[in-house]
PDB file of N, CA and C in Angstrom:
ATOM      1  N   MET A   1     -19.445  19.054   3.905  1.00  0.00           N
ATOM      2  CA  MET A   1     -19.117  17.825   3.095  1.00  0.00           C
ATOM      3  C   MET A   1     -18.530  16.883   3.815  1.00  0.00           C
ATOM      4  N   PHE A   2     -19.082  15.069   3.388  1.00  0.00           N
ATOM      5  CA  PHE A   2     -18.806  14.146   3.895  1.00  0.00           C
ATOM      6  C   PHE A   2     -18.392  13.058   2.512  1.00  0.00           C
ATOM      7  N   ASN A   3     -16.998  12.787   2.542  1.00  0.00           N
ATOM      8  CA  ASN A   3     -16.570  11.775   1.616  1.00  0.00           C
ATOM      9  C   ASN A   3     -15.773  10.627   2.650  1.00  0.00           C
ATOM     10  N   ALA A   4     -16.038   9.535   1.546  1.00  0.00           N
ATOM     11  CA  ALA A   4     -16.112   8.329   1.929  1.00  0.00           C
ATOM     12  C   ALA A   4     -15.770   6.900   0.940  1.00  0.00           C
ATOM     13  N   TYR A   5     -14.885   6.703   1.773  1.00  0.00           N
ATOM     14  CA  TYR A   5     -13.646   5.486   0.655  1.00  0.00           C
ATOM     15  C   TYR A   5     -13.915   4.065   0.846  1.00  0.00           C
ATOM     16  N   ILE A   6     -13.836   3.318  -0.040  1.00  0.00           N
ATOM     17  CA  ILE A   6     -14.527   2.645  -0.881  1.00  0.00           C
ATOM     18  C   ILE A   6     -13.085   1.801  -0.320  1.00  0.00           C
ATOM     19  N   SER A   7     -12.862   0.982   0.721  1.00  0.00           N
ATOM     20  CA  SER A   7     -12.100   0.740   0.569  1.00  0.00           C
ATOM     21  C   SER A   7     -11.916  -1.322   0.018  1.00  0.00           C
ATOM     22  N   PHE A   8     -11.321  -1.615  -1.124  1.00  0.00           N
ATOM     23  CA  PHE A   8     -10.851  -2.069  -2.408  1.00  0.00           C
ATOM     24  C   PHE A   8     -10.609  -3.239  -1.187  1.00  0.00           C
ATOM     25  N   ASN A   9      -9.472  -3.691  -0.298  1.00  0.00           N
ATOM     26  CA  ASN A   9      -9.250  -5.100   0.142  1.00  0.00           C
ATOM     27  C   ASN A   9     -10.432  -5.255   0.765  1.00  0.00           C
ATOM     28  N   ASN A  10     -11.771  -5.045   1.658  1.00  0.00           N
ATOM     29  CA  ASN A  10     -12.905  -5.248   2.679  1.00  0.00           C
ATOM     30  C   ASN A  10     -13.672  -5.575   1.057  1.00  0.00           C
ATOM     31  N   VAL A  11     -13.481  -5.138   0.174  1.00  0.00           N
ATOM     32  CA  VAL A  11     -14.313  -5.838  -0.536  1.00  0.00           C
ATOM     33  C   VAL A  11     -13.951  -7.492  -1.676  1.00  0.00           C
ATOM     34  N   LEU A  12     -12.688  -7.514  -1.616  1.00  0.00           N
ATOM     35  CA  LEU A  12     -12.283  -8.357  -2.307  1.00  0.00           C
ATOM     36  C   LEU A  12     -12.203  -9.642  -0.861  1.00  0.00           C
ATOM     37  N   ARG A  13     -11.743  -9.288  -0.258  1.00  0.00           N
ATOM     38  CA  ARG A  13     -11.750  -9.943   1.163  1.00  0.00           C
ATOM     39  C   ARG A  13     -13.447  -9.991   0.783  1.00  0.00           C
ATOM     40  N   LEU A  14     -13.959  -9.631   1.228  1.00  0.00           N
ATOM     41  CA  LEU A  14     -16.128 -10.059   1.138  1.00  0.00           C
ATOM     42  C   LEU A  14     -16.853 -10.854   0.099  1.00  0.00           C
ATOM     43  N   PHE A  15     -15.853 -10.562  -0.879  1.00  0.00           N
ATOM     44  CA  PHE A  15     -16.357 -11.956  -2.248  1.00  0.00           C
ATOM     45  C   PHE A  15     -15.446 -13.095  -2.391  1.00  0.00           C
ATOM     46  N   ASP A  16     -14.551 -12.961  -1.707  1.00  0.00           N
ATOM     47  CA  ASP A  16     -13.781 -14.646  -1.224  1.00  0.00           C
ATOM     48  C   ASP A  16     -14.675 -14.760  -0.651  1.00  0.00           C
ATOM     49  N   GLU A  17     -14.571 -14.492   0.519  1.00  0.00           N
ATOM     50  CA  GLU A  17     -15.507 -14.545   2.129  1.00  0.00           C
ATOM     51  C   GLU A  17     -17.237 -16.035   1.942  1.00  0.00           C
ATOM     52  N   ARG A  18     -17.954 -15.465   0.878  1.00  0.00           N
ATOM     53  CA  ARG A  18     -18.793 -15.360  -0.150  1.00  0.00           C
ATOM     54  C   ARG A  18     -19.120 -16.906  -0.458  1.00  0.00           C
ATOM     55  N   GLY A  19     -17.972 -16.852  -2.105  1.00  0.00           N
ATOM     56  CA  GLY A  19     -16.921 -18.028  -2.618  1.00  0.00           C
ATOM     57  C   GLY A  19     -18.767 -17.779  -3.958  1.00  0.00           C
ATOM     58  N   VAL A  20     -18.436 -16.751  -3.795  1.00  0.00           N
ATOM     59  CA  VAL A  20     -19.007 -15.961  -5.570  1.00  0.00           C
ATOM     60  C   VAL A  20     -17.753 -15.923  -7.300  1.00  0.00           C
ATOM     61  N   THR A  21     -18.528 -16.249  -7.546  1.00  0.00           N
ATOM     62  CA  THR A  21     -17.519 -16.375  -9.423  1.00  0.00           C
ATOM     63  C   THR A  21     -18.520 -14.198  -9.031  1.00  0.00           C
ATOM     64  N   LYS A  22     -17.471 -13.686  -9.966  1.00  0.00           N
ATOM     65  CA  LYS A  22     -18.010 -12.412 -10.652  1.00  0.00           C
ATOM     66  C   LYS A  22     -19.787 -12.442 -12.153  1.00  0.00           C
ATOM     67  N   GLU A  23     -19.464 -13.489 -12.539  1.00  0.00           N
ATOM     68  CA  GLU A  23     -20.738 -13.581 -12.888  1.00  0.00           C
ATOM     69  C   GLU A  23     -22.623 -13.883 -11.496  1.00  0.00           C
ATOM     70  N   GLN A  24     -21.429 -14.600 -10.813  1.00  0.00           N
ATOM     71  CA  GLN A  24     -23.432 -14.147  -9.588  1.00  0.00           C
ATOM     72  C   GLN A  24     -23.425 -13.193  -9.144  1.00  0.00           C
ATOM     73  N   LEU A  25     -22.045 -12.926  -9.021  1.00  0.00           N
ATOM     74  CA  LEU A  25     -22.216 -11.526  -8.470  1.00  0.00           C
ATOM     75  C   LEU A  25     -23.205 -10.322  -9.128  1.00  0.00           C
ATOM     76  N   ALA A  26     -22.472 -10.205  -9.934  1.00  0.00           N
ATOM     77  CA  ALA A  26     -23.267  -9.495 -10.900  1.00  0.00           C
ATOM     78  C   ALA A  26     -24.421  -9.796 -11.766  1.00  0.00           C
ATOM     79  N   ASP A  27     -25.371 -11.618 -11.478  1.00  0.00           N
ATOM     80  CA  ASP A  27     -26.262 -11.422 -11.304  1.00  0.00           C
ATOM     81  C   ASP A  27     -27.029 -11.106 -10.343  1.00  0.00           C
ATOM     82  N   GLN A  28     -26.628 -10.774  -8.954  1.00  0.00           N
ATOM     83  CA  GLN A  28     -27.535 -11.526  -7.868  1.00  0.00           C
ATOM     84  C   GLN A  28     -27.394  -9.894  -7.314  1.00  0.00           C
ATOM     85  N   SER A  29     -26.779  -8.715  -7.779  1.00  0.00           N
ATOM     86  CA  SER A  29     -27.031  -7.678  -7.530  1.00  0.00           C
ATOM     87  C   SER A  29     -26.570  -6.797  -8.267  1.00  0.00           C
ATOM     88  N   ASP A  30     -27.431  -6.538  -9.184  1.00  0.00           N
ATOM     89  CA  ASP A  30     -27.708  -5.715 -11.310  1.00  0.00           C
ATOM     90  C   ASP A  30     -26.501  -4.769 -10.820  1.00  0.00           C
ATOM     91  N   VAL A  31     -25.497  -5.080 -11.021  1.00  0.00           N
ATOM     92  CA  VAL A  31     -24.215  -4.537 -11.098  1.00  0.00           C
ATOM     93  C   VAL A  31     -23.627  -5.530 -12.294  1.00  0.00           C
ATOM     94  N   SER A  32     -22.850  -4.933 -13.874  1.00  0.00           N
ATOM     95  CA  SER A  32     -22.058  -5.718 -14.948  1.00  0.00           C
ATOM     96  C   SER A  32     -21.613  -6.213 -14.947  1.00  0.00           C
ATOM     97  N   GLU A  33     -20.650  -7.646 -14.905  1.00  0.00           N
ATOM     98  CA  GLU A  33     -19.504  -8.158 -14.114  1.00  0.00           C
ATOM     99  C   GLU A  33     -18.286  -7.401 -14.332  1.00  0.00           C
ATOM    100  N   SER A  34     -17.910  -6.368 -15.024  1.00  0.00           N
ATOM    101  CA  SER A  34     -17.530  -5.431 -15.977  1.00  0.00           C
ATOM    102  C   SER A  34     -17.067  -5.256 -14.336  1.00  0.00           C
ATOM    103  N   PHE A  35     -17.448  -4.029 -14.287  1.00  0.00           N
ATOM    104  CA  PHE A  35     -17.199  -3.644 -13.383  1.00  0.00           C
ATOM    105  C   PHE A  35     -17.539  -4.131 -11.965  1.00  0.00           C
ATOM    106  N   ILE A  36     -17.631  -5.606 -11.736  1.00  0.00           N
ATOM    107  CA  ILE A  36     -17.334  -5.739 -10.571  1.00  0.00           C
ATOM    108  C   ILE A  36     -16.126  -6.161 -10.535  1.00  0.00           C
ATOM    109  N   GLY A  37     -15.281  -6.624 -11.819  1.00  0.00           N
ATOM    110  CA  GLY A  37     -14.020  -6.650 -12.148  1.00  0.00           C
ATOM    111  C   GLY A  37     -12.575  -5.960 -11.598  1.00  0.00           C
ATOM    112  N   ASP A  38     -13.166  -4.506 -11.722  1.00  0.00           N
ATOM    113  CA  ASP A  38     -12.701  -3.284 -12.257  1.00  0.00           C
ATOM    114  C   ASP A  38     -12.920  -3.146 -10.498  1.00  0.00           C
ATOM    115  N   LEU A  39     -13.701  -3.475 -10.092  1.00  0.00           N
ATOM    116  CA  LEU A  39     -13.605  -3.511  -9.003  1.00  0.00           C
ATOM    117  C   LEU A  39     -12.884  -4.510  -7.157  1.00  0.00           C
ATOM    118  N   THR A  40     -12.211  -5.551  -8.800  1.00  0.00           N
ATOM    119  CA  THR A  40     -12.100  -6.588  -7.587  1.00  0.00           C
ATOM    120  C   THR A  40     -10.079  -5.482  -8.511  1.00  0.00           C
ATOM    121  N   ARG A  41     -10.261  -5.234  -8.546  1.00  0.00           N
ATOM    122  CA  ARG A  41      -9.078  -5.142  -9.436  1.00  0.00           C
ATOM    123  C   ARG A  41      -8.526  -3.236  -8.902  1.00  0.00           C
ATOM    124  N   GLY A  42      -8.747  -3.317  -7.399  1.00  0.00           N
ATOM    125  CA  GLY A  42      -9.558  -1.480  -7.699  1.00  0.00           C
ATOM    126  C   GLY A  42      -9.164   0.072  -8.398  1.00  0.00           C
ATOM    127  N   ARG A  43      -9.314  -0.454  -9.702  1.00  0.00           N
ATOM    128  CA  ARG A  43     -10.062  -0.042 -10.570  1.00  0.00           C
ATOM    129  C   ARG A  43     -11.619   1.385  -9.638  1.00  0.00           C
ATOM    130  N   GLY A  44     -11.369   2.086 -10.163  1.00  0.00           N
ATOM    131  CA  GLY A  44     -12.890   3.405 -10.546  1.00  0.00           C
ATOM    132  C   GLY A  44     -13.095   3.793  -9.280  1.00  0.00           C
ATOM    133  N   ASN A  45     -14.351   4.752  -9.533  1.00  0.00           N
ATOM    134  CA  ASN A  45     -15.127   5.129  -8.416  1.00  0.00           C
ATOM    135  C   ASN A  45     -16.363   5.120  -8.372  1.00  0.00           C
ATOM    136  N   PRO A  46     -16.624   3.980  -7.463  1.00  0.00           N
ATOM    137  CA  PRO A  46     -17.573   3.449  -7.457  1.00  0.00           C
ATOM    138  C   PRO A  46     -19.163   4.458  -6.734  1.00  0.00           C
ATOM    139  N   SER A  47     -20.389   4.035  -7.346  1.00  0.00           N
ATOM    140  CA  SER A  47     -21.571   5.838  -6.162  1.00  0.00           C
ATOM    141  C   SER A  47     -21.868   4.761  -5.606  1.00  0.00           C
ATOM    142  N   LEU A  48     -21.709   5.005  -4.273  1.00  0.00           N
ATOM    143  CA  LEU A  48     -22.431   4.249  -2.635  1.00  0.00           C
ATOM    144  C   LEU A  48     -23.726   3.370  -3.135  1.00  0.00           C
ATOM    145  N   ARG A  49     -24.858   4.259  -4.327  1.00  0.00           N
ATOM    146  CA  ARG A  49     -25.986   3.196  -4.727  1.00  0.00           C
ATOM    147  C   ARG A  49     -25.227   1.413  -5.406  1.00  0.00           C
ATOM    148  N   LYS A  50     -24.487   1.901  -6.354  1.00  0.00           N
ATOM    149  CA  LYS A  50     -23.139  -0.135  -6.976  1.00  0.00           C
ATOM    150  C   LYS A  50     -23.223  -0.598  -5.372  1.00  0.00           C
ATOM    151  N   MET A  51     -22.303   0.557  -4.281  1.00  0.00           N
ATOM    152  CA  MET A  51     -21.747  -0.461  -3.447  1.00  0.00           C
ATOM    153  C   MET A  51     -22.843  -1.469  -2.847  1.00  0.00           C
ATOM    154  N   GLU A  52     -24.542  -0.001  -2.658  1.00  0.00           N
ATOM    155  CA  GLU A  52     -25.371  -1.452  -1.274  1.00  0.00           C
ATOM    156  C   GLU A  52     -25.959  -1.698  -2.493  1.00  0.00           C
ATOM    157  N   LEU A  53     -26.425  -2.229  -3.935  1.00  0.00           N
ATOM    158  CA  LEU A  53     -25.998  -3.184  -4.847  1.00  0.00           C
ATOM    159  C   LEU A  53     -25.527  -4.571  -4.616  1.00  0.00           C
ATOM    160  N   ILE A  54     -24.501  -4.942  -4.388  1.00  0.00           N
ATOM    161  CA  ILE A  54     -22.688  -4.790  -4.100  1.00  0.00           C
ATOM    162  C   ILE A  54     -23.228  -5.630  -2.489  1.00  0.00           C
ATOM    163  N   ALA A  55     -23.189  -4.956  -1.441  1.00  0.00           N
ATOM    164  CA  ALA A  55     -22.720  -5.341   0.282  1.00  0.00           C
ATOM    165  C   ALA A  55     -24.317  -6.080   0.045  1.00  0.00           C
ATOM    166  N   LYS A  56     -25.623  -5.229  -0.168  1.00  0.00           N
ATOM    167  CA  LYS A  56     -26.461  -6.477  -0.498  1.00  0.00           C
ATOM    168  C   LYS A  56     -27.160  -7.389  -1.046  1.00  0.00           C
ATOM    169  N   ALA A  57     -26.295  -8.235  -2.226  1.00  0.00           N
ATOM    170  CA  ALA A  57     -25.584  -9.450  -3.057  1.00  0.00           C
ATOM    171  C   ALA A  57     -25.043 -10.565  -1.752  1.00  0.00           C
ATOM    172  N   LEU A  58     -24.169 -10.364  -1.647  1.00  0.00           N
ATOM    173  CA  LEU A  58     -22.968 -10.044  -0.808  1.00  0.00           C
ATOM    174  C   LEU A  58     -23.926 -10.597   0.970  1.00  0.00           C
ATOM    175  N   ASP A  59     -24.798 -10.098   0.849  1.00  0.00           N
ATOM    176  CA  ASP A  59     -26.043 -10.067   2.917  1.00  0.00           C
ATOM    177  C   ASP A  59     -24.886  -9.295   3.752  1.00  0.00           C
ATOM    178  N   TYR A  60     -24.620  -8.336   3.702  1.00  0.00           N
ATOM    179  CA  TYR A  60     -24.200  -7.555   4.087  1.00  0.00           C
ATOM    180  C   TYR A  60     -24.782  -6.378   4.569  1.00  0.00           C
ATOM    181  N   ASP A  61     -23.839  -5.215   5.095  1.00  0.00           N
ATOM    182  CA  ASP A  61     -24.819  -3.768   5.165  1.00  0.00           C
ATOM    183  C   ASP A  61     -23.586  -2.643   4.171  1.00  0.00           C
ATOM    184  N   LEU A  62     -23.513  -1.971   3.855  1.00  0.00           N
ATOM    185  CA  LEU A  62     -22.751  -1.095   3.261  1.00  0.00           C
ATOM    186  C   LEU A  62     -22.101  -0.469   3.545  1.00  0.00           C
ATOM    187  N   PRO A  63     -21.717   0.050   5.495  1.00  0.00           N
ATOM    188  CA  PRO A  63     -20.079   0.343   6.084  1.00  0.00           C
ATOM    189  C   PRO A  63     -19.097  -0.015   6.224  1.00  0.00           C
ATOM    190  N   VAL A  64     -19.404  -2.328   5.728  1.00  0.00           N
ATOM    191  CA  VAL A  64     -18.585  -2.884   5.617  1.00  0.00           C
ATOM    192  C   VAL A  64     -17.096  -2.891   4.828  1.00  0.00           C
ATOM    193  N   PHE A  65     -17.691  -1.796   3.995  1.00  0.00           N
ATOM    194  CA  PHE A  65     -16.689  -1.805   2.639  1.00  0.00           C
ATOM    195  C   PHE A  65     -15.904  -0.323   3.103  1.00  0.00           C
ATOM    196  N   ILE A  66     -16.683   0.871   3.246  1.00  0.00           N
ATOM    197  CA  ILE A  66     -16.537   2.433   3.807  1.00  0.00           C
ATOM    198  C   ILE A  66     -14.771   1.636   3.949  1.00  0.00           C
ATOM    199  N   ASP A  67     -13.828   2.582   4.295  1.00  0.00           N
ATOM    200  CA  ASP A  67     -11.842   2.715   4.957  1.00  0.00           C
ATOM    201  C   ASP A  67     -11.888   3.715   5.904  1.00  0.00           C
ATOM    202  N   ALA A  68     -12.522   3.634   6.625  1.00  0.00           N
ATOM    203  CA  ALA A  68     -13.115   4.189   8.483  1.00  0.00           C
ATOM    204  C   ALA A  68     -12.299   4.943   8.252  1.00  0.00           C
ATOM    205  N   ASP A  69     -10.487   4.762   8.207  1.00  0.00           N
ATOM    206  CA  ASP A  69      -9.309   5.261   8.474  1.00  0.00           C
ATOM    207  C   ASP A  69      -9.255   7.109   7.467  1.00  0.00           C
ATOM    208  N   ARG A  70      -9.769   6.796   6.686  1.00  0.00           N
ATOM    209  CA  ARG A  70      -9.779   8.010   5.259  1.00  0.00           C
ATOM    210  C   ARG A  70     -11.077   9.132   5.224  1.00  0.00           C
ATOM    211  N   LEU A  71     -12.029   8.854   6.620  1.00  0.00           N
ATOM    212  CA  LEU A  71     -13.545   9.546   6.406  1.00  0.00           C
ATOM    213  C   LEU A  71     -13.083  11.005   6.275  1.00  0.00           C
ATOM    214  N   GLU A  72     -13.308  11.876   5.869  1.00  0.00           N
ATOM    215  CA  GLU A  72     -12.970  13.444   5.955  1.00  0.00           C
ATOM    216  C   GLU A  72     -14.587  13.598   6.218  1.00  0.00           C
ATOM    217  N   TYR A  73     -14.638  14.923   6.633  1.00  0.00           N
ATOM    218  CA  TYR A  73     -16.081  15.248   6.961  1.00  0.00           C
ATOM    219  C   TYR A  73     -15.898  16.965   7.201  1.00  0.00           C
TER     220      TYR A  73
END
């Protein structure tokens, strides 16, 4: 089994780099604004599909959100 952990620090950093609001990101990614808010506070257990939508909206590939130090095989 493979477990991947989302690096919430990476999410915040990349979100800030793009200079988008939570509302803009929610619109562009088809993910709710409250979900985006939870991510920025380090809450929740996001699915890889939702993270893929967010990564695409920010013009990144999904692996940029993965915390490589915490991968489990």
